[in-house]
């Protein structure tokens, strides 16, 4: 599995600790340093079964500067949202974990995080 993190984020550090505690095999992507492309964001959104506006941090300064709270949330606007997140990765909700079985989660709560952790024997 892969986890997209911001090391300054408490929820990201918690998720990493949980992954370590259960001995999960994972790779870390510091998405602010290694931003996802628009195509990667599309793939992750498909795996999450979410729309880009569902994982956008609208209180970030970049979102305010772009006026994103006023952007429409219509299918025709998906590319605009995705392009903004690709250009300003700070807008992406975190941590995002993509599991080996194909699904993905935004692991902001302990319950969601546990849903991707490997079962302990």
PDB file of N, CA and C in Angstrom:
ATOM      1  N   UNK A   1       0.839  -1.171   0.000  1.00  0.00           N
ATOM      2  CA  UNK A   1       0.000   0.000   0.000  1.00  0.00           C
ATOM      3  C   UNK A   1       0.883   1.232   0.000  1.00  0.00           C
ATOM      4  N   UNK A   2       0.265   2.343  -0.366  1.00  0.00           N
ATOM      5  CA  UNK A   2       0.969   3.620  -0.377  1.00  0.00           C
ATOM      6  C   UNK A   2       0.167   4.604   0.456  1.00  0.00           C
ATOM      7  N   UNK A   3       0.875   5.467   1.182  1.00  0.00           N
ATOM      8  CA  UNK A   3       0.215   6.500   1.980  1.00  0.00           C
ATOM      9  C   UNK A   3       0.776   7.854   1.566  1.00  0.00           C
ATOM     10  N   UNK A   4      -0.143   8.754   1.223  1.00  0.00           N
ATOM     11  CA  UNK A   4       0.229  10.126   0.888  1.00  0.00           C
ATOM     12  C   UNK A   4       0.155  10.924   2.175  1.00  0.00           C
ATOM     13  N   UNK A   5       1.268  11.553   2.532  1.00  0.00           N
ATOM     14  CA  UNK A   5       1.313  12.271   3.806  1.00  0.00           C
ATOM     15  C   UNK A   5       1.926  13.654   3.678  1.00  0.00           C
ATOM     16  N   UNK A   6       1.614  14.456   4.665  1.00  0.00           N
ATOM     17  CA  UNK A   6       2.324  15.688   4.979  1.00  0.00           C
ATOM     18  C   UNK A   6       2.911  15.414   6.365  1.00  0.00           C
ATOM     19  N   UNK A   7       4.240  15.355   6.511  1.00  0.00           N
ATOM     20  CA  UNK A   7       4.826  15.001   7.802  1.00  0.00           C
ATOM     21  C   UNK A   7       4.426  15.918   8.952  1.00  0.00           C
ATOM     22  N   UNK A   8       3.951  17.129   8.651  1.00  0.00           N
ATOM     23  CA  UNK A   8       3.544  18.066   9.702  1.00  0.00           C
ATOM     24  C   UNK A   8       2.128  17.791  10.203  1.00  0.00           C
ATOM     25  N   UNK A   9       1.430  16.884   9.541  1.00  0.00           N
ATOM     26  CA  UNK A   9       0.026  16.589   9.858  1.00  0.00           C
ATOM     27  C   UNK A   9      -0.075  15.512  10.937  1.00  0.00           C
ATOM     28  N   UNK A  10      -0.794  15.820  12.010  1.00  0.00           N
ATOM     29  CA  UNK A  10      -0.972  14.861  13.107  1.00  0.00           C
ATOM     30  C   UNK A  10      -1.690  13.592  12.679  1.00  0.00           C
ATOM     31  N   UNK A  11      -2.708  13.717  11.837  1.00  0.00           N
ATOM     32  CA  UNK A  11      -3.441  12.528  11.379  1.00  0.00           C
ATOM     33  C   UNK A  11      -2.541  11.641  10.525  1.00  0.00           C
ATOM     34  N   UNK A  12      -1.645  12.248   9.772  1.00  0.00           N
ATOM     35  CA  UNK A  12      -0.689  11.468   8.967  1.00  0.00           C
ATOM     36  C   UNK A  12       0.277  10.713   9.881  1.00  0.00           C
ATOM     37  N   UNK A  13       0.767  11.391  10.903  1.00  0.00           N
ATOM     38  CA  UNK A  13       1.693  10.731  11.834  1.00  0.00           C
ATOM     39  C   UNK A  13       0.992   9.595  12.576  1.00  0.00           C
ATOM     40  N   UNK A  14      -0.263   9.812  12.947  1.00  0.00           N
ATOM     41  CA  UNK A  14      -1.041   8.750  13.602  1.00  0.00           C
ATOM     42  C   UNK A  14      -1.192   7.550  12.669  1.00  0.00           C
ATOM     43  N   UNK A  15      -1.534   7.811  11.414  1.00  0.00           N
ATOM     44  CA  UNK A  15      -1.710   6.725  10.444  1.00  0.00           C
ATOM     45  C   UNK A  15      -0.412   5.945  10.267  1.00  0.00           C
ATOM     46  N   UNK A  16       0.706   6.652  10.166  1.00  0.00           N
ATOM     47  CA  UNK A  16       2.004   5.972  10.026  1.00  0.00           C
ATOM     48  C   UNK A  16       2.278   5.100  11.248  1.00  0.00           C
ATOM     49  N   UNK A  17       1.972   5.606  12.428  1.00  0.00           N
ATOM     50  CA  UNK A  17       2.175   4.836  13.652  1.00  0.00           C
ATOM     51  C   UNK A  17       1.347   3.573  13.667  1.00  0.00           C
ATOM     52  N   UNK A  18       0.103   3.662  13.217  1.00  0.00           N
ATOM     53  CA  UNK A  18      -0.774   2.484  13.157  1.00  0.00           C
ATOM     54  C   UNK A  18      -0.260   1.469  12.145  1.00  0.00           C
ATOM     55  N   UNK A  19       0.193   1.952  10.997  1.00  0.00           N
ATOM     56  CA  UNK A  19       0.748   1.042   9.987  1.00  0.00           C
ATOM     57  C   UNK A  19       1.967   0.307  10.543  1.00  0.00           C
ATOM     58  N   UNK A  20       2.822   1.050  11.237  1.00  0.00           N
ATOM     59  CA  UNK A  20       4.006   0.435  11.856  1.00  0.00           C
ATOM     60  C   UNK A  20       3.602  -0.588  12.915  1.00  0.00           C
ATOM     61  N   UNK A  21       2.609  -0.234  13.733  1.00  0.00           N
ATOM     62  CA  UNK A  21       2.202  -1.085  14.848  1.00  0.00           C
ATOM     63  C   UNK A  21       1.716  -2.453  14.379  1.00  0.00           C
ATOM     64  N   UNK A  22       1.100  -2.493  13.200  1.00  0.00           N
ATOM     65  CA  UNK A  22       0.595  -3.780  12.705  1.00  0.00           C
ATOM     66  C   UNK A  22       1.561  -4.433  11.713  1.00  0.00           C
ATOM     67  N   UNK A  23       2.716  -3.823  11.524  1.00  0.00           N
ATOM     68  CA  UNK A  23       3.714  -4.402  10.633  1.00  0.00           C
ATOM     69  C   UNK A  23       3.327  -4.359   9.167  1.00  0.00           C
ATOM     70  N   UNK A  24       2.527  -3.373   8.784  1.00  0.00           N
ATOM     71  CA  UNK A  24       2.089  -3.261   7.389  1.00  0.00           C
ATOM     72  C   UNK A  24       3.263  -2.881   6.493  1.00  0.00           C
ATOM     73  N   UNK A  25       3.228  -3.402   5.274  1.00  0.00           N
ATOM     74  CA  UNK A  25       4.208  -3.001   4.276  1.00  0.00           C
ATOM     75  C   UNK A  25       3.605  -1.851   3.485  1.00  0.00           C
ATOM     76  N   UNK A  26       4.335  -0.755   3.404  1.00  0.00           N
ATOM     77  CA  UNK A  26       3.799   0.427   2.727  1.00  0.00           C
ATOM     78  C   UNK A  26       4.943   1.301   2.249  1.00  0.00           C
ATOM     79  N   UNK A  27       4.607   2.185   1.321  1.00  0.00           N
ATOM     80  CA  UNK A  27       5.541   3.210   0.887  1.00  0.00           C
ATOM     81  C   UNK A  27       4.923   4.556   1.226  1.00  0.00           C
ATOM     82  N   UNK A  28       5.782   5.497   1.515  1.00  0.00           N
ATOM     83  CA  UNK A  28       5.342   6.845   1.879  1.00  0.00           C
ATOM     84  C   UNK A  28       5.568   7.769   0.689  1.00  0.00           C
ATOM     85  N   UNK A  29       4.556   8.551   0.404  1.00  0.00           N
ATOM     86  CA  UNK A  29       4.697   9.601  -0.606  1.00  0.00           C
ATOM     87  C   UNK A  29       4.425  10.928   0.085  1.00  0.00           C
ATOM     88  N   UNK A  30       5.438  11.737   0.159  1.00  0.00           N
ATOM     89  CA  UNK A  30       5.285  13.093   0.694  1.00  0.00           C
ATOM     90  C   UNK A  30       4.759  13.944  -0.454  1.00  0.00           C
ATOM     91  N   UNK A  31       3.448  14.013  -0.535  1.00  0.00           N
ATOM     92  CA  UNK A  31       2.815  14.548  -1.736  1.00  0.00           C
ATOM     93  C   UNK A  31       3.036  16.041  -1.943  1.00  0.00           C
ATOM     94  N   UNK A  32       3.499  16.754  -0.925  1.00  0.00           N
ATOM     95  CA  UNK A  32       3.830  18.167  -1.137  1.00  0.00           C
ATOM     96  C   UNK A  32       5.163  18.290  -1.875  1.00  0.00           C
ATOM     97  N   UNK A  33       6.069  17.340  -1.643  1.00  0.00           N
ATOM     98  CA  UNK A  33       7.376  17.331  -2.300  1.00  0.00           C
ATOM     99  C   UNK A  33       7.311  16.590  -3.640  1.00  0.00           C
ATOM    100  N   UNK A  34       6.414  15.603  -3.736  1.00  0.00           N
ATOM    101  CA  UNK A  34       6.256  14.779  -4.928  1.00  0.00           C
ATOM    102  C   UNK A  34       4.773  14.798  -5.305  1.00  0.00           C
ATOM    103  N   UNK A  35       4.306  15.933  -5.840  1.00  0.00           N
ATOM    104  CA  UNK A  35       2.874  16.088  -6.088  1.00  0.00           C
ATOM    105  C   UNK A  35       2.345  15.094  -7.119  1.00  0.00           C
ATOM    106  N   UNK A  36       1.125  14.628  -6.899  1.00  0.00           N
ATOM    107  CA  UNK A  36       0.516  13.750  -7.889  1.00  0.00           C
ATOM    108  C   UNK A  36       0.129  14.543  -9.136  1.00  0.00           C
ATOM    109  N   UNK A  37       0.172  13.860 -10.263  1.00  0.00           N
ATOM    110  CA  UNK A  37      -0.286  14.471 -11.511  1.00  0.00           C
ATOM    111  C   UNK A  37      -1.805  14.449 -11.537  1.00  0.00           C
ATOM    112  N   UNK A  38      -2.367  15.156 -12.489  1.00  0.00           N
ATOM    113  CA  UNK A  38      -3.819  15.135 -12.656  1.00  0.00           C
ATOM    114  C   UNK A  38      -4.292  13.703 -12.927  1.00  0.00           C
ATOM    115  N   UNK A  39      -3.535  12.957 -13.720  1.00  0.00           N
ATOM    116  CA  UNK A  39      -3.913  11.568 -14.018  1.00  0.00           C
ATOM    117  C   UNK A  39      -3.883  10.706 -12.756  1.00  0.00           C
ATOM    118  N   UNK A  40      -2.881  10.910 -11.910  1.00  0.00           N
ATOM    119  CA  UNK A  40      -2.816  10.156 -10.649  1.00  0.00           C
ATOM    120  C   UNK A  40      -3.981  10.520  -9.739  1.00  0.00           C
ATOM    121  N   UNK A  41      -4.328  11.790  -9.695  1.00  0.00           N
ATOM    122  CA  UNK A  41      -5.470  12.213  -8.888  1.00  0.00           C
ATOM    123  C   UNK A  41      -6.759  11.574  -9.405  1.00  0.00           C
ATOM    124  N   UNK A  42      -6.919  11.512 -10.716  1.00  0.00           N
ATOM    125  CA  UNK A  42      -8.095  10.849 -11.304  1.00  0.00           C
ATOM    126  C   UNK A  42      -8.169   9.393 -10.842  1.00  0.00           C
ATOM    127  N   UNK A  43      -7.031   8.697 -10.886  1.00  0.00           N
ATOM    128  CA  UNK A  43      -7.003   7.285 -10.487  1.00  0.00           C
ATOM    129  C   UNK A  43      -7.363   7.138  -9.012  1.00  0.00           C
ATOM    130  N   UNK A  44      -6.797   7.981  -8.169  1.00  0.00           N
ATOM    131  CA  UNK A  44      -7.079   7.896  -6.739  1.00  0.00           C
ATOM    132  C   UNK A  44      -8.542   8.224  -6.459  1.00  0.00           C
ATOM    133  N   UNK A  45      -9.069   9.228  -7.125  1.00  0.00           N
ATOM    134  CA  UNK A  45     -10.486   9.567  -6.944  1.00  0.00           C
ATOM    135  C   UNK A  45     -11.384   8.401  -7.342  1.00  0.00           C
ATOM    136  N   UNK A  46     -11.022   7.726  -8.422  1.00  0.00           N
ATOM    137  CA  UNK A  46     -11.799   6.558  -8.839  1.00  0.00           C
ATOM    138  C   UNK A  46     -11.750   5.476  -7.765  1.00  0.00           C
ATOM    139  N   UNK A  47     -10.558   5.232  -7.216  1.00  0.00           N
ATOM    140  CA  UNK A  47     -10.412   4.224  -6.165  1.00  0.00           C
ATOM    141  C   UNK A  47     -11.141   4.632  -4.888  1.00  0.00           C
ATOM    142  N   UNK A  48     -11.163   5.928  -4.597  1.00  0.00           N
ATOM    143  CA  UNK A  48     -11.867   6.432  -3.421  1.00  0.00           C
ATOM    144  C   UNK A  48     -13.383   6.463  -3.625  1.00  0.00           C
ATOM    145  N   UNK A  49     -13.810   6.445  -4.890  1.00  0.00           N
ATOM    146  CA  UNK A  49     -15.226   6.626  -5.246  1.00  0.00           C
ATOM    147  C   UNK A  49     -15.724   7.982  -4.747  1.00  0.00           C
ATOM    148  N   UNK A  50     -14.877   9.000  -4.930  1.00  0.00           N
ATOM    149  CA  UNK A  50     -15.202  10.370  -4.514  1.00  0.00           C
ATOM    150  C   UNK A  50     -14.983  11.332  -5.671  1.00  0.00           C
ATOM    151  N   UNK A  51     -15.486  12.530  -5.499  1.00  0.00           N
ATOM    152  CA  UNK A  51     -15.263  13.608  -6.457  1.00  0.00           C
ATOM    153  C   UNK A  51     -14.132  14.491  -5.925  1.00  0.00           C
ATOM    154  N   UNK A  52     -13.487  15.265  -6.796  1.00  0.00           N
ATOM    155  CA  UNK A  52     -12.361  16.087  -6.325  1.00  0.00           C
ATOM    156  C   UNK A  52     -12.736  17.058  -5.215  1.00  0.00           C
ATOM    157  N   UNK A  53     -13.926  17.610  -5.273  1.00  0.00           N
ATOM    158  CA  UNK A  53     -14.347  18.553  -4.230  1.00  0.00           C
ATOM    159  C   UNK A  53     -14.529  17.864  -2.882  1.00  0.00           C
ATOM    160  N   UNK A  54     -14.673  16.544  -2.888  1.00  0.00           N
ATOM    161  CA  UNK A  54     -14.803  15.795  -1.630  1.00  0.00           C
ATOM    162  C   UNK A  54     -13.483  15.690  -0.874  1.00  0.00           C
ATOM    163  N   UNK A  55     -12.363  15.849  -1.576  1.00  0.00           N
ATOM    164  CA  UNK A  55     -11.056  15.712  -0.919  1.00  0.00           C
ATOM    165  C   UNK A  55     -10.232  17.001  -0.996  1.00  0.00           C
ATOM    166  N   UNK A  56     -10.929  18.118  -1.211  1.00  0.00           N
ATOM    167  CA  UNK A  56     -10.236  19.404  -1.303  1.00  0.00           C
ATOM    168  C   UNK A  56     -10.312  20.129   0.034  1.00  0.00           C
ATOM    169  N   UNK A  57      -9.176  20.632   0.466  1.00  0.00           N
ATOM    170  CA  UNK A  57      -9.077  21.399   1.708  1.00  0.00           C
ATOM    171  C   UNK A  57      -9.385  22.866   1.372  1.00  0.00           C
ATOM    172  N   UNK A  58     -10.647  23.236   1.518  1.00  0.00           N
ATOM    173  CA  UNK A  58     -11.107  24.555   1.092  1.00  0.00           C
ATOM    174  C   UNK A  58     -10.671  25.686   2.017  1.00  0.00           C
ATOM    175  N   UNK A  59     -10.176  25.364   3.202  1.00  0.00           N
ATOM    176  CA  UNK A  59      -9.722  26.423   4.107  1.00  0.00           C
ATOM    177  C   UNK A  59      -8.256  26.799   3.903  1.00  0.00           C
ATOM    178  N   UNK A  60      -7.572  26.101   3.000  1.00  0.00           N
ATOM    179  CA  UNK A  60      -6.186  26.460   2.697  1.00  0.00           C
ATOM    180  C   UNK A  60      -6.154  27.795   1.948  1.00  0.00           C
ATOM    181  N   UNK A  61      -5.087  28.533   2.117  1.00  0.00           N
ATOM    182  CA  UNK A  61      -4.960  29.839   1.466  1.00  0.00           C
ATOM    183  C   UNK A  61      -5.059  29.726  -0.051  1.00  0.00           C
ATOM    184  N   UNK A  62      -4.474  28.682  -0.618  1.00  0.00           N
ATOM    185  CA  UNK A  62      -4.536  28.511  -2.077  1.00  0.00           C
ATOM    186  C   UNK A  62      -5.984  28.398  -2.550  1.00  0.00           C
ATOM    187  N   UNK A  63      -6.817  27.697  -1.802  1.00  0.00           N
ATOM    188  CA  UNK A  63      -8.239  27.564  -2.161  1.00  0.00           C
ATOM    189  C   UNK A  63      -8.938  28.916  -2.055  1.00  0.00           C
ATOM    190  N   UNK A  64      -8.603  29.663  -1.034  1.00  0.00           N
ATOM    191  CA  UNK A  64      -9.199  30.993  -0.869  1.00  0.00           C
ATOM    192  C   UNK A  64      -8.779  31.906  -2.016  1.00  0.00           C
ATOM    193  N   UNK A  65      -7.478  31.862  -2.360  1.00  0.00           N
ATOM    194  CA  UNK A  65      -6.973  32.695  -3.449  1.00  0.00           C
ATOM    195  C   UNK A  65      -7.653  32.367  -4.772  1.00  0.00           C
ATOM    196  N   UNK A  66      -7.979  31.097  -4.978  1.00  0.00           N
ATOM    197  CA  UNK A  66      -8.627  30.654  -6.218  1.00  0.00           C
ATOM    198  C   UNK A  66     -10.152  30.834  -6.168  1.00  0.00           C
ATOM    199  N   UNK A  67     -10.698  31.119  -4.988  1.00  0.00           N
ATOM    200  CA  UNK A  67     -12.143  31.255  -4.851  1.00  0.00           C
ATOM    201  C   UNK A  67     -12.877  29.935  -4.989  1.00  0.00           C
ATOM    202  N   UNK A  68     -12.246  28.841  -4.565  1.00  0.00           N
ATOM    203  CA  UNK A  68     -12.793  27.505  -4.800  1.00  0.00           C
ATOM    204  C   UNK A  68     -14.126  27.245  -4.112  1.00  0.00           C
ATOM    205  N   UNK A  69     -14.409  27.923  -3.016  1.00  0.00           N
ATOM    206  CA  UNK A  69     -15.707  27.702  -2.352  1.00  0.00           C
ATOM    207  C   UNK A  69     -16.865  28.087  -3.265  1.00  0.00           C
ATOM    208  N   UNK A  70     -16.605  28.954  -4.220  1.00  0.00           N
ATOM    209  CA  UNK A  70     -17.656  29.376  -5.145  1.00  0.00           C
ATOM    210  C   UNK A  70     -17.683  28.524  -6.424  1.00  0.00           C
ATOM    211  N   UNK A  71     -16.713  27.641  -6.609  1.00  0.00           N
ATOM    212  CA  UNK A  71     -16.697  26.824  -7.821  1.00  0.00           C
ATOM    213  C   UNK A  71     -17.869  25.851  -7.801  1.00  0.00           C
ATOM    214  N   UNK A  72     -18.425  25.602  -8.974  1.00  0.00           N
ATOM    215  CA  UNK A  72     -19.529  24.649  -9.059  1.00  0.00           C
ATOM    216  C   UNK A  72     -18.997  23.227  -8.928  1.00  0.00           C
ATOM    217  N   UNK A  73     -19.876  22.362  -8.526  1.00  0.00           N
ATOM    218  CA  UNK A  73     -19.522  20.956  -8.308  1.00  0.00           C
ATOM    219  C   UNK A  73     -20.305  20.089  -9.285  1.00  0.00           C
ATOM    220  N   UNK A  74     -20.047  20.348 -10.533  1.00  0.00           N
ATOM    221  CA  UNK A  74     -20.712  19.640 -11.626  1.00  0.00           C
ATOM    222  C   UNK A  74     -19.686  18.767 -12.350  1.00  0.00           C
ATOM    223  N   UNK A  75     -20.136  17.691 -12.995  1.00  0.00           N
ATOM    224  CA  UNK A  75     -19.194  16.814 -13.709  1.00  0.00           C
ATOM    225  C   UNK A  75     -18.269  17.563 -14.673  1.00  0.00           C
ATOM    226  N   UNK A  76     -18.795  18.589 -15.318  1.00  0.00           N
ATOM    227  CA  UNK A  76     -17.977  19.347 -16.257  1.00  0.00           C
ATOM    228  C   UNK A  76     -16.865  20.148 -15.603  1.00  0.00           C
ATOM    229  N   UNK A  77     -16.921  20.304 -14.281  1.00  0.00           N
ATOM    230  CA  UNK A  77     -15.914  21.090 -13.555  1.00  0.00           C
ATOM    231  C   UNK A  77     -14.840  20.235 -12.885  1.00  0.00           C
ATOM    232  N   UNK A  78     -14.954  18.901 -12.996  1.00  0.00           N
ATOM    233  CA  UNK A  78     -13.989  18.011 -12.330  1.00  0.00           C
ATOM    234  C   UNK A  78     -12.553  18.349 -12.716  1.00  0.00           C
ATOM    235  N   UNK A  79     -12.320  18.563 -13.995  1.00  0.00           N
ATOM    236  CA  UNK A  79     -10.953  18.817 -14.468  1.00  0.00           C
ATOM    237  C   UNK A  79     -10.375  20.074 -13.838  1.00  0.00           C
ATOM    238  N   UNK A  80     -11.200  21.086 -13.646  1.00  0.00           N
ATOM    239  CA  UNK A  80     -10.738  22.332 -13.019  1.00  0.00           C
ATOM    240  C   UNK A  80     -10.289  22.074 -11.580  1.00  0.00           C
ATOM    241  N   UNK A  81     -11.079  21.306 -10.834  1.00  0.00           N
ATOM    242  CA  UNK A  81     -10.736  20.975  -9.454  1.00  0.00           C
ATOM    243  C   UNK A  81      -9.451  20.144  -9.415  1.00  0.00           C
ATOM    244  N   UNK A  82      -9.368  19.162 -10.268  1.00  0.00           N
ATOM    245  CA  UNK A  82      -8.196  18.279 -10.280  1.00  0.00           C
ATOM    246  C   UNK A  82      -6.943  19.059 -10.665  1.00  0.00           C
ATOM    247  N   UNK A  83      -7.057  19.936 -11.647  1.00  0.00           N
ATOM    248  CA  UNK A  83      -5.908  20.756 -12.051  1.00  0.00           C
ATOM    249  C   UNK A  83      -5.432  21.631 -10.896  1.00  0.00           C
ATOM    250  N   UNK A  84      -6.370  22.182 -10.132  1.00  0.00           N
ATOM    251  CA  UNK A  84      -5.994  23.030  -8.986  1.00  0.00           C
ATOM    252  C   UNK A  84      -5.253  22.208  -7.937  1.00  0.00           C
ATOM    253  N   UNK A  85      -5.724  20.978  -7.676  1.00  0.00           N
ATOM    254  CA  UNK A  85      -5.042  20.127  -6.687  1.00  0.00           C
ATOM    255  C   UNK A  85      -3.675  19.684  -7.181  1.00  0.00           C
ATOM    256  N   UNK A  86      -3.548  19.437  -8.465  1.00  0.00           N
ATOM    257  CA  UNK A  86      -2.245  19.050  -9.014  1.00  0.00           C
ATOM    258  C   UNK A  86      -1.255  20.218  -8.919  1.00  0.00           C
ATOM    259  N   UNK A  87      -1.752  21.418  -9.150  1.00  0.00           N
ATOM    260  CA  UNK A  87      -0.891  22.601  -9.087  1.00  0.00           C
ATOM    261  C   UNK A  87      -0.595  23.025  -7.654  1.00  0.00           C
ATOM    262  N   UNK A  88      -1.556  22.811  -6.756  1.00  0.00           N
ATOM    263  CA  UNK A  88      -1.432  23.206  -5.349  1.00  0.00           C
ATOM    264  C   UNK A  88      -1.727  21.978  -4.472  1.00  0.00           C
ATOM    265  N   UNK A  89      -0.780  21.059  -4.324  1.00  0.00           N
ATOM    266  CA  UNK A  89      -1.066  19.812  -3.599  1.00  0.00           C
ATOM    267  C   UNK A  89      -1.466  20.006  -2.142  1.00  0.00           C
ATOM    268  N   UNK A  90      -1.194  21.172  -1.576  1.00  0.00           N
ATOM    269  CA  UNK A  90      -1.623  21.441  -0.197  1.00  0.00           C
ATOM    270  C   UNK A  90      -3.151  21.338  -0.086  1.00  0.00           C
ATOM    271  N   UNK A  91      -3.848  21.428  -1.210  1.00  0.00           N
ATOM    272  CA  UNK A  91      -5.311  21.359  -1.217  1.00  0.00           C
ATOM    273  C   UNK A  91      -5.846  19.940  -1.023  1.00  0.00           C
ATOM    274  N   UNK A  92      -4.981  18.943  -1.139  1.00  0.00           N
ATOM    275  CA  UNK A  92      -5.431  17.548  -1.076  1.00  0.00           C
ATOM    276  C   UNK A  92      -5.589  17.114   0.382  1.00  0.00           C
ATOM    277  N   UNK A  93      -6.763  16.579   0.680  1.00  0.00           N
ATOM    278  CA  UNK A  93      -7.038  16.020   2.007  1.00  0.00           C
ATOM    279  C   UNK A  93      -6.057  14.884   2.297  1.00  0.00           C
ATOM    280  N   UNK A  94      -5.703  14.687   3.540  1.00  0.00           N
ATOM    281  CA  UNK A  94      -4.705  13.691   3.912  1.00  0.00           C
ATOM    282  C   UNK A  94      -5.051  13.030   5.230  1.00  0.00           C
ATOM    283  N   UNK A  95      -4.461  11.898   5.512  1.00  0.00           N
ATOM    284  CA  UNK A  95      -3.660  11.040   4.638  1.00  0.00           C
ATOM    285  C   UNK A  95      -4.558  10.206   3.721  1.00  0.00           C
ATOM    286  N   UNK A  96      -4.062   9.948   2.533  1.00  0.00           N
ATOM    287  CA  UNK A  96      -4.751   9.057   1.601  1.00  0.00           C
ATOM    288  C   UNK A  96      -3.943   7.771   1.541  1.00  0.00           C
ATOM    289  N   UNK A  97      -4.627   6.668   1.750  1.00  0.00           N
ATOM    290  CA  UNK A  97      -3.981   5.347   1.687  1.00  0.00           C
ATOM    291  C   UNK A  97      -4.602   4.579   0.541  1.00  0.00           C
ATOM    292  N   UNK A  98      -3.741   4.123  -0.361  1.00  0.00           N
ATOM    293  CA  UNK A  98      -4.194   3.264  -1.454  1.00  0.00           C
ATOM    294  C   UNK A  98      -3.752   1.852  -1.105  1.00  0.00           C
ATOM    295  N   UNK A  99      -4.730   0.983  -0.938  1.00  0.00           N
ATOM    296  CA  UNK A  99      -4.455  -0.392  -0.519  1.00  0.00           C
ATOM    297  C   UNK A  99      -4.149  -1.273  -1.723  1.00  0.00           C
ATOM    298  N   UNK A 100      -3.442  -2.357  -1.466  1.00  0.00           N
ATOM    299  CA  UNK A 100      -3.060  -3.274  -2.527  1.00  0.00           C
ATOM    300  C   UNK A 100      -4.256  -3.950  -3.181  1.00  0.00           C
ATOM    301  N   UNK A 101      -5.379  -4.028  -2.477  1.00  0.00           N
ATOM    302  CA  UNK A 101      -6.552  -4.699  -3.045  1.00  0.00           C
ATOM    303  C   UNK A 101      -7.353  -3.796  -3.985  1.00  0.00           C
ATOM    304  N   UNK A 102      -6.863  -2.578  -4.218  1.00  0.00           N
ATOM    305  CA  UNK A 102      -7.498  -1.705  -5.188  1.00  0.00           C
ATOM    306  C   UNK A 102      -8.305  -0.564  -4.610  1.00  0.00           C
ATOM    307  N   UNK A 103      -8.711  -0.649  -3.350  1.00  0.00           N
ATOM    308  CA  UNK A 103      -9.492   0.471  -2.823  1.00  0.00           C
ATOM    309  C   UNK A 103      -8.571   1.481  -2.151  1.00  0.00           C
ATOM    310  N   UNK A 104      -9.139   2.601  -1.810  1.00  0.00           N
ATOM    311  CA  UNK A 104      -8.377   3.670  -1.176  1.00  0.00           C
ATOM    312  C   UNK A 104      -9.282   4.367  -0.173  1.00  0.00           C
ATOM    313  N   UNK A 105      -8.654   5.029   0.805  1.00  0.00           N
ATOM    314  CA  UNK A 105      -9.404   5.766   1.817  1.00  0.00           C
ATOM    315  C   UNK A 105      -8.677   7.056   2.162  1.00  0.00           C
ATOM    316  N   UNK A 106      -9.459   8.020   2.612  1.00  0.00           N
ATOM    317  CA  UNK A 106      -8.901   9.200   3.257  1.00  0.00           C
ATOM    318  C   UNK A 106      -8.974   8.860   4.744  1.00  0.00           C
ATOM    319  N   UNK A 107      -7.838   8.541   5.321  1.00  0.00           N
ATOM    320  CA  UNK A 107      -7.777   7.958   6.673  1.00  0.00           C
ATOM    321  C   UNK A 107      -7.744   9.019   7.761  1.00  0.00           C
ATOM    322  N   UNK A 108      -8.805   9.803   7.860  1.00  0.00           N
ATOM    323  CA  UNK A 108      -8.853  10.882   8.840  1.00  0.00           C
ATOM    324  C   UNK A 108      -9.445  10.455  10.172  1.00  0.00           C
ATOM    325  N   UNK A 109     -10.074   9.275  10.211  1.00  0.00           N
ATOM    326  CA  UNK A 109     -10.628   8.789  11.476  1.00  0.00           C
ATOM    327  C   UNK A 109     -10.037   7.420  11.784  1.00  0.00           C
ATOM    328  N   UNK A 110      -9.988   7.036  13.052  1.00  0.00           N
ATOM    329  CA  UNK A 110      -9.452   5.708  13.400  1.00  0.00           C
ATOM    330  C   UNK A 110     -10.212   4.575  12.716  1.00  0.00           C
ATOM    331  N   UNK A 111     -11.531   4.726  12.559  1.00  0.00           N
ATOM    332  CA  UNK A 111     -12.335   3.674  11.945  1.00  0.00           C
ATOM    333  C   UNK A 111     -11.952   3.468  10.482  1.00  0.00           C
ATOM    334  N   UNK A 112     -11.799   4.552   9.766  1.00  0.00           N
ATOM    335  CA  UNK A 112     -11.427   4.457   8.351  1.00  0.00           C
ATOM    336  C   UNK A 112     -10.019   3.896   8.225  1.00  0.00           C
ATOM    337  N   UNK A 113      -9.125   4.353   9.060  1.00  0.00           N
ATOM    338  CA  UNK A 113      -7.760   3.841   9.039  1.00  0.00           C
ATOM    339  C   UNK A 113      -7.743   2.332   9.264  1.00  0.00           C
ATOM    340  N   UNK A 114      -8.493   1.869  10.232  1.00  0.00           N
ATOM    341  CA  UNK A 114      -8.523   0.434  10.530  1.00  0.00           C
ATOM    342  C   UNK A 114      -9.050  -0.387   9.361  1.00  0.00           C
ATOM    343  N   UNK A 115      -9.878   0.223   8.501  1.00  0.00           N
ATOM    344  CA  UNK A 115     -10.452  -0.516   7.385  1.00  0.00           C
ATOM    345  C   UNK A 115      -9.408  -0.943   6.352  1.00  0.00           C
ATOM    346  N   UNK A 116      -8.235  -0.317   6.358  1.00  0.00           N
ATOM    347  CA  UNK A 116      -7.193  -0.693   5.394  1.00  0.00           C
ATOM    348  C   UNK A 116      -6.013  -1.406   6.048  1.00  0.00           C
ATOM    349  N   UNK A 117      -6.036  -1.514   7.367  1.00  0.00           N
ATOM    350  CA  UNK A 117      -4.932  -2.181   8.031  1.00  0.00           C
ATOM    351  C   UNK A 117      -5.019  -3.689   7.812  1.00  0.00           C
ATOM    352  N   UNK A 118      -3.865  -4.335   7.612  1.00  0.00           N
ATOM    353  CA  UNK A 118      -3.897  -5.788   7.475  1.00  0.00           C
ATOM    354  C   UNK A 118      -4.378  -6.436   8.764  1.00  0.00           C
ATOM    355  N   UNK A 119      -5.104  -7.509   8.603  1.00  0.00           N
ATOM    356  CA  UNK A 119      -5.586  -8.254   9.778  1.00  0.00           C
ATOM    357  C   UNK A 119      -4.405  -8.920  10.465  1.00  0.00           C
ATOM    358  N   UNK A 120      -4.377  -8.791  11.793  1.00  0.00           N
ATOM    359  CA  UNK A 120      -3.299  -9.417  12.534  1.00  0.00           C
ATOM    360  C   UNK A 120      -3.665 -10.882  12.800  1.00  0.00           C
ATOM    361  N   UNK A 121      -2.669 -11.747  12.691  1.00  0.00           N
ATOM    362  CA  UNK A 121      -2.897 -13.178  12.889  1.00  0.00           C
ATOM    363  C   UNK A 121      -3.046 -13.500  14.361  1.00  0.00           C
TER     364      UNK A 121
END
